[in-house]
Amino acid sequence: MVKHSAAMRLLPAALACALLGVTPSANAAATAYVDCPGDVYACLYDGPNGTGARLDIRTCGQRVELRRDWWDKIESARIVHASNVTLWSYYPNGAGGSELVLRGTRGTDVNAYAGNMADIIDCR
């Protein structure tokens, strides 16, 4: 019986990847957030770990409502040039006030504490 090295056992998989034009990755998180441009304050995503549709934050300086089409959608964020970004949600049933949804500082990738709830952004 001929023993094959580990490299030889992986050869069929490597060949299949090369023929199909795909690159195997250690995990899905390695490819997340890669589409966030370097000239924004932050990128907000509607999926966890920087996946899904992206909203680029290009203005900063005050607490404002998010665009209505992004209300209750944000799951994660990459903070690029902002010192900090905080997302809030209005309390349900019009009770007034707001609830913390996500907080991150420059150079971090963060998931929301409570996904699909953000209505307000405070970018500084």
C-alpha atoms as a PDB file:
ATOM      1  CA  MET A   1       0.000   0.000   0.000  1.00  0.00           C
ATOM      2  CA  VAL A   2       1.397   3.386  -1.011  1.00  0.00           C
ATOM      3  CA  LYS A   3       1.147   6.200   1.525  1.00  0.00           C
ATOM      4  CA  HIS A   4       0.397   9.656   0.160  1.00  0.00           C
ATOM      5  CA  SER A   5       1.572  12.853   1.776  1.00  0.00           C
ATOM      6  CA  ALA A   6      -0.915  15.454   3.011  1.00  0.00           C
ATOM      7  CA  ALA A   7      -0.052  17.639   0.026  1.00  0.00           C
ATOM      8  CA  MET A   8      -0.938  14.843  -2.376  1.00  0.00           C
ATOM      9  CA  ARG A   9      -4.279  14.293  -0.626  1.00  0.00           C
ATOM     10  CA  LEU A  10      -5.115  18.000  -1.042  1.00  0.00           C
ATOM     11  CA  LEU A  11      -4.154  18.099  -4.720  1.00  0.00           C
ATOM     12  CA  PRO A  12      -7.649  17.234  -6.063  1.00  0.00           C
ATOM     13  CA  ALA A  13      -9.235  20.045  -4.023  1.00  0.00           C
ATOM     14  CA  ALA A  14      -6.565  22.555  -5.085  1.00  0.00           C
ATOM     15  CA  LEU A  15      -6.984  21.562  -8.717  1.00  0.00           C
ATOM     16  CA  ALA A  16     -10.772  21.934  -8.501  1.00  0.00           C
ATOM     17  CA  CYS A  17     -10.405  25.416  -6.982  1.00  0.00           C
ATOM     18  CA  ALA A  18      -7.986  26.454  -9.721  1.00  0.00           C
ATOM     19  CA  LEU A  19     -10.261  25.179 -12.480  1.00  0.00           C
ATOM     20  CA  LEU A  20     -13.359  26.816 -10.996  1.00  0.00           C
ATOM     21  CA  GLY A  21     -11.591  30.100 -10.266  1.00  0.00           C
ATOM     22  CA  VAL A  22     -12.321  30.108  -6.549  1.00  0.00           C
ATOM     23  CA  THR A  23     -10.010  30.636  -3.643  1.00  0.00           C
ATOM     24  CA  PRO A  24     -10.557  28.663  -0.464  1.00  0.00           C
ATOM     25  CA  SER A  25     -10.650  30.779   2.679  1.00  0.00           C
ATOM     26  CA  ALA A  26     -10.045  29.931   6.312  1.00  0.00           C
ATOM     27  CA  ASN A  27     -13.368  31.507   7.267  1.00  0.00           C
ATOM     28  CA  ALA A  28     -16.023  33.835   5.927  1.00  0.00           C
ATOM     29  CA  ALA A  29     -14.951  36.694   8.220  1.00  0.00           C
ATOM     30  CA  ALA A  30     -11.698  36.986   6.311  1.00  0.00           C
ATOM     31  CA  THR A  31     -13.592  38.350   3.306  1.00  0.00           C
ATOM     32  CA  ALA A  32     -15.996  40.596   5.199  1.00  0.00           C
ATOM     33  CA  TYR A  33     -15.673  44.402   5.171  1.00  0.00           C
ATOM     34  CA  VAL A  34     -13.313  44.344   2.150  1.00  0.00           C
ATOM     35  CA  ASP A  35     -15.545  46.573   0.017  1.00  0.00           C
ATOM     36  CA  CYS A  36     -15.494  49.509   2.479  1.00  0.00           C
ATOM     37  CA  PRO A  37     -13.677  52.423   0.779  1.00  0.00           C
ATOM     38  CA  GLY A  38     -10.816  54.062   2.637  1.00  0.00           C
ATOM     39  CA  ASP A  39     -12.144  57.621   2.199  1.00  0.00           C
ATOM     40  CA  VAL A  40     -15.290  57.322   4.347  1.00  0.00           C
ATOM     41  CA  TYR A  41     -15.953  57.891   8.029  1.00  0.00           C
ATOM     42  CA  ALA A  42     -17.636  54.480   8.312  1.00  0.00           C
ATOM     43  CA  CYS A  43     -19.461  51.751   6.403  1.00  0.00           C
ATOM     44  CA  LEU A  44     -22.713  50.321   7.729  1.00  0.00           C
ATOM     45  CA  TYR A  45     -23.916  46.884   6.584  1.00  0.00           C
ATOM     46  CA  ASP A  46     -27.282  45.168   6.680  1.00  0.00           C
ATOM     47  CA  GLY A  47     -25.651  41.800   7.421  1.00  0.00           C
ATOM     48  CA  PRO A  48     -23.420  40.647  10.284  1.00  0.00           C
ATOM     49  CA  ASN A  49     -19.629  40.873  10.046  1.00  0.00           C
ATOM     50  CA  GLY A  50     -19.575  43.405   7.214  1.00  0.00           C
ATOM     51  CA  THR A  51     -21.750  41.466   4.793  1.00  0.00           C
ATOM     52  CA  GLY A  52     -24.758  42.474   2.745  1.00  0.00           C
ATOM     53  CA  ALA A  53     -25.691  45.872   1.368  1.00  0.00           C
ATOM     54  CA  ARG A  54     -23.490  48.803   2.425  1.00  0.00           C
ATOM     55  CA  LEU A  55     -24.208  52.413   3.398  1.00  0.00           C
ATOM     56  CA  ASP A  56     -21.168  54.733   3.269  1.00  0.00           C
ATOM     57  CA  ILE A  57     -21.051  57.449   5.917  1.00  0.00           C
ATOM     58  CA  ARG A  58     -19.383  60.479   4.309  1.00  0.00           C
ATOM     59  CA  THR A  59     -20.439  63.240   6.717  1.00  0.00           C
ATOM     60  CA  CYS A  60     -19.838  63.360  10.429  1.00  0.00           C
ATOM     61  CA  GLY A  61     -20.211  65.724  13.339  1.00  0.00           C
ATOM     62  CA  GLN A  62     -23.679  65.443  14.825  1.00  0.00           C
ATOM     63  CA  ARG A  63     -26.433  63.066  15.867  1.00  0.00           C
ATOM     64  CA  VAL A  64     -28.896  62.651  12.992  1.00  0.00           C
ATOM     65  CA  GLU A  65     -31.469  60.198  11.710  1.00  0.00           C
ATOM     66  CA  LEU A  66     -30.272  57.614   9.221  1.00  0.00           C
ATOM     67  CA  ARG A  67     -31.782  57.639   5.763  1.00  0.00           C
ATOM     68  CA  ARG A  68     -35.274  56.169   6.111  1.00  0.00           C
ATOM     69  CA  ASP A  69     -34.486  53.317   3.718  1.00  0.00           C
ATOM     70  CA  TRP A  70     -31.801  52.178   6.206  1.00  0.00           C
ATOM     71  CA  TRP A  71     -33.943  52.329   9.348  1.00  0.00           C
ATOM     72  CA  ASP A  72     -34.024  49.038  11.233  1.00  0.00           C
ATOM     73  CA  LYS A  73     -31.570  47.319   8.862  1.00  0.00           C
ATOM     74  CA  ILE A  74     -28.028  47.689  10.234  1.00  0.00           C
ATOM     75  CA  GLU A  75     -26.255  44.629  11.614  1.00  0.00           C
ATOM     76  CA  SER A  76     -22.568  45.669  11.510  1.00  0.00           C
ATOM     77  CA  ALA A  77     -20.132  48.499  10.818  1.00  0.00           C
ATOM     78  CA  ARG A  78     -16.520  49.250   9.930  1.00  0.00           C
ATOM     79  CA  ILE A  79     -15.286  52.492  11.474  1.00  0.00           C
ATOM     80  CA  VAL A  80     -12.654  54.005   9.165  1.00  0.00           C
ATOM     81  CA  HIS A  81     -11.937  57.712   9.871  1.00  0.00           C
ATOM     82  CA  ALA A  82     -14.525  58.632  12.515  1.00  0.00           C
ATOM     83  CA  SER A  83     -13.255  58.790  16.101  1.00  0.00           C
ATOM     84  CA  ASN A  84     -16.410  56.973  17.149  1.00  0.00           C
ATOM     85  CA  VAL A  85     -19.762  55.954  15.739  1.00  0.00           C
ATOM     86  CA  THR A  86     -22.812  55.216  17.840  1.00  0.00           C
ATOM     87  CA  LEU A  87     -26.124  53.953  16.502  1.00  0.00           C
ATOM     88  CA  TRP A  88     -29.367  54.345  18.426  1.00  0.00           C
ATOM     89  CA  SER A  89     -32.916  53.107  18.020  1.00  0.00           C
ATOM     90  CA  TYR A  90     -36.053  55.011  18.895  1.00  0.00           C
ATOM     91  CA  TYR A  91     -37.955  53.294  21.668  1.00  0.00           C
ATOM     92  CA  PRO A  92     -40.907  51.387  20.268  1.00  0.00           C
ATOM     93  CA  ASN A  93     -44.450  52.693  20.664  1.00  0.00           C
ATOM     94  CA  GLY A  94     -43.373  56.356  20.657  1.00  0.00           C
ATOM     95  CA  ALA A  95     -42.296  56.338  24.291  1.00  0.00           C
ATOM     96  CA  GLY A  96     -39.544  58.878  23.551  1.00  0.00           C
ATOM     97  CA  GLY A  97     -35.839  58.405  24.094  1.00  0.00           C
ATOM     98  CA  SER A  98     -33.545  55.928  22.388  1.00  0.00           C
ATOM     99  CA  GLU A  99     -31.683  52.656  22.939  1.00  0.00           C
ATOM    100  CA  LEU A 100     -27.999  51.944  22.192  1.00  0.00           C
ATOM    101  CA  VAL A 101     -27.662  49.600  19.190  1.00  0.00           C
ATOM    102  CA  LEU A 102     -23.986  49.750  18.136  1.00  0.00           C
ATOM    103  CA  ARG A 103     -20.826  51.554  19.225  1.00  0.00           C
ATOM    104  CA  GLY A 104     -17.381  51.468  17.618  1.00  0.00           C
ATOM    105  CA  THR A 105     -14.172  53.473  17.449  1.00  0.00           C
ATOM    106  CA  ARG A 106     -11.706  54.277  14.653  1.00  0.00           C
ATOM    107  CA  GLY A 107     -10.196  51.176  13.076  1.00  0.00           C
ATOM    108  CA  THR A 108     -12.711  48.668  14.447  1.00  0.00           C
ATOM    109  CA  ASP A 109     -15.242  46.304  12.899  1.00  0.00           C
ATOM    110  CA  VAL A 110     -18.297  45.807  15.099  1.00  0.00           C
ATOM    111  CA  ASN A 111     -21.580  43.926  15.119  1.00  0.00           C
ATOM    112  CA  ALA A 112     -24.731  45.525  16.487  1.00  0.00           C
ATOM    113  CA  TYR A 113     -25.779  44.709  20.054  1.00  0.00           C
ATOM    114  CA  ALA A 114     -29.324  44.557  18.728  1.00  0.00           C
ATOM    115  CA  GLY A 115     -29.517  44.000  14.976  1.00  0.00           C
ATOM    116  CA  ASN A 116     -32.042  45.596  12.644  1.00  0.00           C
ATOM    117  CA  MET A 117     -32.959  48.380  15.038  1.00  0.00           C
ATOM    118  CA  ALA A 118     -30.844  51.483  14.246  1.00  0.00           C
ATOM    119  CA  ASP A 119     -32.578  54.739  13.325  1.00  0.00           C
ATOM    120  CA  ILE A 120     -30.080  57.374  14.545  1.00  0.00           C
ATOM    121  CA  ILE A 121     -26.343  57.801  14.000  1.00  0.00           C
ATOM    122  CA  ASP A 122     -23.926  59.849  16.071  1.00  0.00           C
ATOM    123  CA  CYS A 123     -20.670  60.101  14.129  1.00  0.00           C
ATOM    124  CA  ARG A 124     -17.776  62.114  15.604  1.00  0.00           C
END
